[in-house]
Amino acid sequence: PVFGIAASLGLFFLAARFPAIIGGPFIGLGVCGMFGSAIRYWKLKQLIMPLSGCCLEIQTSCFVARQPWKKEHYEQCRIYFKEVQALIREAKAGGFYLQIPEGGESEIRGSGENRRCLFYVSPFGYPEEKMQAVYQTIKERLPETAEIYEYET
């Protein structure tokens, strides 16, 4: 709105005695501002990803998740509790990591990417209480051989 007002003032001043001196800078400022705002809006639009289809689900034998990852791509996992090697919690960030072995039934995949062994469960879009409940449930279902690291920063 500010740049639109500046451009309108420029048009108003064009009717003045010295139109180029008074109205020109206002019109230039308004046009440049609107152009800059349009570019900024376009860049912000590129950062926003729809969350439809994203989920965190704890089943009896595994954990399933689908969440935003990199530029318009999603990552997903199906991690069986019996295969989890480590559970790492970041208290400050609110999320946690699950580590699985190289060759097992569990899967972690990004869009078109090869199999990975570490999955970060992002708290983005979930209340802190829900993330804490998911973390505690996973922690309770892990085998005794799994290592648990909790970092309080």
C-alpha atoms as a PDB file:
ATOM      1  CA  PRO A   1       0.000   0.000   0.000  1.00  0.00           C
ATOM      2  CA  VAL A   2       2.826   2.448   0.779  1.00  0.00           C
ATOM      3  CA  PHE A   3       4.291   2.166  -2.703  1.00  0.00           C
ATOM      4  CA  GLY A   4       0.860   2.553  -4.276  1.00  0.00           C
ATOM      5  CA  ILE A   5       0.353   5.749  -2.285  1.00  0.00           C
ATOM      6  CA  ALA A   6       3.770   7.024  -3.414  1.00  0.00           C
ATOM      7  CA  ALA A   7       2.889   6.353  -7.048  1.00  0.00           C
ATOM      8  CA  SER A   8      -0.486   8.093  -6.577  1.00  0.00           C
ATOM      9  CA  LEU A   9       1.246  11.119  -5.057  1.00  0.00           C
ATOM     10  CA  GLY A  10       3.567  11.160  -8.035  1.00  0.00           C
ATOM     11  CA  LEU A  11       0.611  11.300 -10.408  1.00  0.00           C
ATOM     12  CA  PHE A  12      -0.920  14.056  -8.295  1.00  0.00           C
ATOM     13  CA  PHE A  13       2.293  16.083  -8.408  1.00  0.00           C
ATOM     14  CA  LEU A  14       2.528  15.662 -12.190  1.00  0.00           C
ATOM     15  CA  ALA A  15      -0.242  18.226 -12.392  1.00  0.00           C
ATOM     16  CA  ALA A  16       1.992  20.681 -10.512  1.00  0.00           C
ATOM     17  CA  ARG A  17       4.039  23.419 -12.081  1.00  0.00           C
ATOM     18  CA  PHE A  18       7.244  21.331 -12.325  1.00  0.00           C
ATOM     19  CA  PRO A  19       5.940  17.781 -12.917  1.00  0.00           C
ATOM     20  CA  ALA A  20       9.248  16.070 -13.692  1.00  0.00           C
ATOM     21  CA  ILE A  21      10.995  17.432 -10.610  1.00  0.00           C
ATOM     22  CA  ILE A  22       8.251  16.678  -8.097  1.00  0.00           C
ATOM     23  CA  GLY A  23       6.232  13.783  -9.546  1.00  0.00           C
ATOM     24  CA  GLY A  24       9.003  11.780 -11.214  1.00  0.00           C
ATOM     25  CA  PRO A  25      10.764  10.594  -8.035  1.00  0.00           C
ATOM     26  CA  PHE A  26       7.456   9.570  -6.414  1.00  0.00           C
ATOM     27  CA  ILE A  27       6.422   7.543  -9.437  1.00  0.00           C
ATOM     28  CA  GLY A  28       9.888   5.966  -9.645  1.00  0.00           C
ATOM     29  CA  LEU A  29       9.832   5.094  -5.937  1.00  0.00           C
ATOM     30  CA  GLY A  30       6.349   3.596  -6.218  1.00  0.00           C
ATOM     31  CA  VAL A  31       7.163   1.472  -9.269  1.00  0.00           C
ATOM     32  CA  CYS A  32      10.466   0.233  -7.786  1.00  0.00           C
ATOM     33  CA  GLY A  33       8.766  -0.580  -4.482  1.00  0.00           C
ATOM     34  CA  MET A  34       5.960  -2.521  -6.132  1.00  0.00           C
ATOM     35  CA  PHE A  35       8.466  -4.430  -8.256  1.00  0.00           C
ATOM     36  CA  GLY A  36      10.579  -5.240  -5.171  1.00  0.00           C
ATOM     37  CA  SER A  37       7.504  -6.371  -3.247  1.00  0.00           C
ATOM     38  CA  ALA A  38       6.453  -8.661  -6.105  1.00  0.00           C
ATOM     39  CA  ILE A  39       9.907 -10.302  -6.173  1.00  0.00           C
ATOM     40  CA  ARG A  40       9.886 -10.780  -2.382  1.00  0.00           C
ATOM     41  CA  TYR A  41       6.400 -12.318  -2.533  1.00  0.00           C
ATOM     42  CA  TRP A  42       7.504 -14.721  -5.271  1.00  0.00           C
ATOM     43  CA  LYS A  43      10.547 -15.824  -3.228  1.00  0.00           C
ATOM     44  CA  LEU A  44       8.451 -16.364  -0.103  1.00  0.00           C
ATOM     45  CA  LYS A  45       5.951 -18.393  -2.088  1.00  0.00           C
ATOM     46  CA  GLN A  46       8.788 -20.742  -3.082  1.00  0.00           C
ATOM     47  CA  LEU A  47       9.537 -21.461   0.610  1.00  0.00           C
ATOM     48  CA  ILE A  48       6.021 -22.540   1.562  1.00  0.00           C
ATOM     49  CA  MET A  49       5.196 -26.237   1.197  1.00  0.00           C
ATOM     50  CA  PRO A  50       1.751 -27.752   1.711  1.00  0.00           C
ATOM     51  CA  LEU A  51       1.499 -29.998   4.757  1.00  0.00           C
ATOM     52  CA  SER A  52      -1.309 -32.131   3.350  1.00  0.00           C
ATOM     53  CA  GLY A  53      -0.329 -35.766   3.462  1.00  0.00           C
ATOM     54  CA  CYS A  54       2.202 -35.251   6.258  1.00  0.00           C
ATOM     55  CA  CYS A  55       1.851 -37.477   9.297  1.00  0.00           C
ATOM     56  CA  LEU A  56       3.448 -38.993  12.376  1.00  0.00           C
ATOM     57  CA  GLU A  57       2.002 -42.403  13.203  1.00  0.00           C
ATOM     58  CA  ILE A  58       3.005 -44.982  15.770  1.00  0.00           C
ATOM     59  CA  GLN A  59       1.891 -48.498  14.892  1.00  0.00           C
ATOM     60  CA  THR A  60       2.361 -51.610  17.009  1.00  0.00           C
ATOM     61  CA  SER A  61       5.705 -52.588  15.495  1.00  0.00           C
ATOM     62  CA  CYS A  62       6.894 -49.464  13.689  1.00  0.00           C
ATOM     63  CA  PHE A  63       6.951 -45.685  13.379  1.00  0.00           C
ATOM     64  CA  VAL A  64       5.720 -44.089  10.128  1.00  0.00           C
ATOM     65  CA  ALA A  65       6.277 -40.453   9.166  1.00  0.00           C
ATOM     66  CA  ARG A  66       6.007 -38.188   6.138  1.00  0.00           C
ATOM     67  CA  GLN A  67       7.225 -34.605   6.449  1.00  0.00           C
ATOM     68  CA  PRO A  68       8.560 -31.675   4.378  1.00  0.00           C
ATOM     69  CA  TRP A  69      12.214 -32.016   3.463  1.00  0.00           C
ATOM     70  CA  LYS A  70      14.015 -30.015   0.773  1.00  0.00           C
ATOM     71  CA  LYS A  71      12.612 -27.705  -1.918  1.00  0.00           C
ATOM     72  CA  GLU A  72       9.159 -29.094  -2.671  1.00  0.00           C
ATOM     73  CA  HIS A  73      10.186 -32.638  -1.715  1.00  0.00           C
ATOM     74  CA  TYR A  74       9.080 -34.778   1.182  1.00  0.00           C
ATOM     75  CA  GLU A  75      10.876 -37.451   3.163  1.00  0.00           C
ATOM     76  CA  GLN A  76       9.215 -40.490   4.586  1.00  0.00           C
ATOM     77  CA  CYS A  77      10.126 -43.390   6.796  1.00  0.00           C
ATOM     78  CA  ARG A  78       8.923 -46.680   8.146  1.00  0.00           C
ATOM     79  CA  ILE A  79      11.150 -47.587  11.059  1.00  0.00           C
ATOM     80  CA  TYR A  80      10.654 -50.840  12.937  1.00  0.00           C
ATOM     81  CA  PHE A  81      11.294 -50.447  16.658  1.00  0.00           C
ATOM     82  CA  LYS A  82      13.309 -53.684  16.845  1.00  0.00           C
ATOM     83  CA  GLU A  83      15.882 -52.198  14.407  1.00  0.00           C
ATOM     84  CA  VAL A  84      16.464 -48.815  16.057  1.00  0.00           C
ATOM     85  CA  GLN A  85      20.095 -48.429  17.095  1.00  0.00           C
ATOM     86  CA  ALA A  86      19.857 -44.976  18.677  1.00  0.00           C
ATOM     87  CA  LEU A  87      17.313 -42.370  19.705  1.00  0.00           C
ATOM     88  CA  ILE A  88      18.726 -38.862  20.028  1.00  0.00           C
ATOM     89  CA  ARG A  89      16.636 -36.025  21.460  1.00  0.00           C
ATOM     90  CA  GLU A  90      17.314 -32.311  21.159  1.00  0.00           C
ATOM     91  CA  ALA A  91      15.405 -30.630  23.953  1.00  0.00           C
ATOM     92  CA  LYS A  92      15.839 -27.100  22.622  1.00  0.00           C
ATOM     93  CA  ALA A  93      14.724 -27.843  19.047  1.00  0.00           C
ATOM     94  CA  GLY A  94      11.894 -30.156  20.094  1.00  0.00           C
ATOM     95  CA  GLY A  95      12.654 -32.847  17.520  1.00  0.00           C
ATOM     96  CA  PHE A  96      14.593 -36.094  17.698  1.00  0.00           C
ATOM     97  CA  TYR A  97      16.646 -38.451  15.533  1.00  0.00           C
ATOM     98  CA  LEU A  98      16.209 -42.166  14.925  1.00  0.00           C
ATOM     99  CA  GLN A  99      19.183 -44.205  13.707  1.00  0.00           C
ATOM    100  CA  ILE A 100      18.748 -47.551  11.947  1.00  0.00           C
ATOM    101  CA  PRO A 101      21.236 -50.099  10.530  1.00  0.00           C
ATOM    102  CA  GLU A 102      22.257 -50.199   6.856  1.00  0.00           C
ATOM    103  CA  GLY A 103      20.556 -53.407   5.734  1.00  0.00           C
ATOM    104  CA  GLY A 104      17.228 -53.995   7.411  1.00  0.00           C
ATOM    105  CA  GLU A 105      13.499 -53.796   6.863  1.00  0.00           C
ATOM    106  CA  SER A 106      13.263 -50.163   7.968  1.00  0.00           C
ATOM    107  CA  GLU A 107      13.299 -47.462   5.295  1.00  0.00           C
ATOM    108  CA  ILE A 108      14.136 -43.769   5.247  1.00  0.00           C
ATOM    109  CA  ARG A 109      13.704 -42.043   1.913  1.00  0.00           C
ATOM    110  CA  GLY A 110      13.795 -38.555   0.523  1.00  0.00           C
ATOM    111  CA  SER A 111      12.400 -37.813  -2.905  1.00  0.00           C
ATOM    112  CA  GLY A 112      14.456 -39.976  -5.270  1.00  0.00           C
ATOM    113  CA  GLU A 113      17.287 -40.335  -2.784  1.00  0.00           C
ATOM    114  CA  ASN A 114      19.005 -43.550  -1.815  1.00  0.00           C
ATOM    115  CA  ARG A 115      18.434 -45.231   1.500  1.00  0.00           C
ATOM    116  CA  ARG A 116      19.613 -43.320   4.570  1.00  0.00           C
ATOM    117  CA  CYS A 117      20.263 -44.418   8.142  1.00  0.00           C
ATOM    118  CA  LEU A 118      19.341 -41.310  10.147  1.00  0.00           C
ATOM    119  CA  PHE A 119      15.890 -39.708  10.288  1.00  0.00           C
ATOM    120  CA  TYR A 120      15.096 -36.393  11.982  1.00  0.00           C
ATOM    121  CA  VAL A 121      11.535 -36.145  13.259  1.00  0.00           C
ATOM    122  CA  SER A 122      10.711 -32.466  12.897  1.00  0.00           C
ATOM    123  CA  PRO A 123       8.402 -30.791  15.422  1.00  0.00           C
ATOM    124  CA  PHE A 124       7.217 -28.291  12.807  1.00  0.00           C
ATOM    125  CA  GLY A 125       3.437 -27.975  12.878  1.00  0.00           C
ATOM    126  CA  TYR A 126       2.916 -30.140  15.980  1.00  0.00           C
ATOM    127  CA  PRO A 127       2.258 -28.991  19.552  1.00  0.00           C
ATOM    128  CA  GLU A 128       5.103 -29.582  21.995  1.00  0.00           C
ATOM    129  CA  GLU A 129       2.957 -31.962  24.068  1.00  0.00           C
ATOM    130  CA  LYS A 130       2.234 -34.182  21.049  1.00  0.00           C
ATOM    131  CA  MET A 131       5.927 -34.369  20.122  1.00  0.00           C
ATOM    132  CA  GLN A 132       6.799 -35.257  23.711  1.00  0.00           C
ATOM    133  CA  ALA A 133       4.146 -38.010  23.703  1.00  0.00           C
ATOM    134  CA  VAL A 134       5.436 -39.420  20.391  1.00  0.00           C
ATOM    135  CA  TYR A 135       9.016 -39.376  21.718  1.00  0.00           C
ATOM    136  CA  GLN A 136       8.047 -41.120  24.983  1.00  0.00           C
ATOM    137  CA  THR A 137       6.036 -43.801  23.170  1.00  0.00           C
ATOM    138  CA  ILE A 138       8.914 -44.559  20.807  1.00  0.00           C
ATOM    139  CA  LYS A 139      11.374 -44.594  23.724  1.00  0.00           C
ATOM    140  CA  GLU A 140       9.226 -47.146  25.591  1.00  0.00           C
ATOM    141  CA  ARG A 141       8.997 -49.477  22.573  1.00  0.00           C
ATOM    142  CA  LEU A 142      12.704 -49.579  21.749  1.00  0.00           C
ATOM    143  CA  PRO A 143      14.725 -52.730  22.373  1.00  0.00           C
ATOM    144  CA  GLU A 144      17.138 -52.758  25.314  1.00  0.00           C
ATOM    145  CA  THR A 145      20.090 -52.669  22.912  1.00  0.00           C
ATOM    146  CA  ALA A 146      19.123 -49.228  21.571  1.00  0.00           C
ATOM    147  CA  GLU A 147      21.135 -46.288  22.849  1.00  0.00           C
ATOM    148  CA  ILE A 148      19.231 -43.240  24.073  1.00  0.00           C
ATOM    149  CA  TYR A 149      20.814 -39.792  24.127  1.00  0.00           C
ATOM    150  CA  GLU A 150      18.977 -36.813  25.576  1.00  0.00           C
ATOM    151  CA  TYR A 151      20.602 -33.412  25.206  1.00  0.00           C
ATOM    152  CA  GLU A 152      19.249 -30.637  27.424  1.00  0.00           C
ATOM    153  CA  THR A 153      20.627 -27.365  26.077  1.00  0.00           C
END
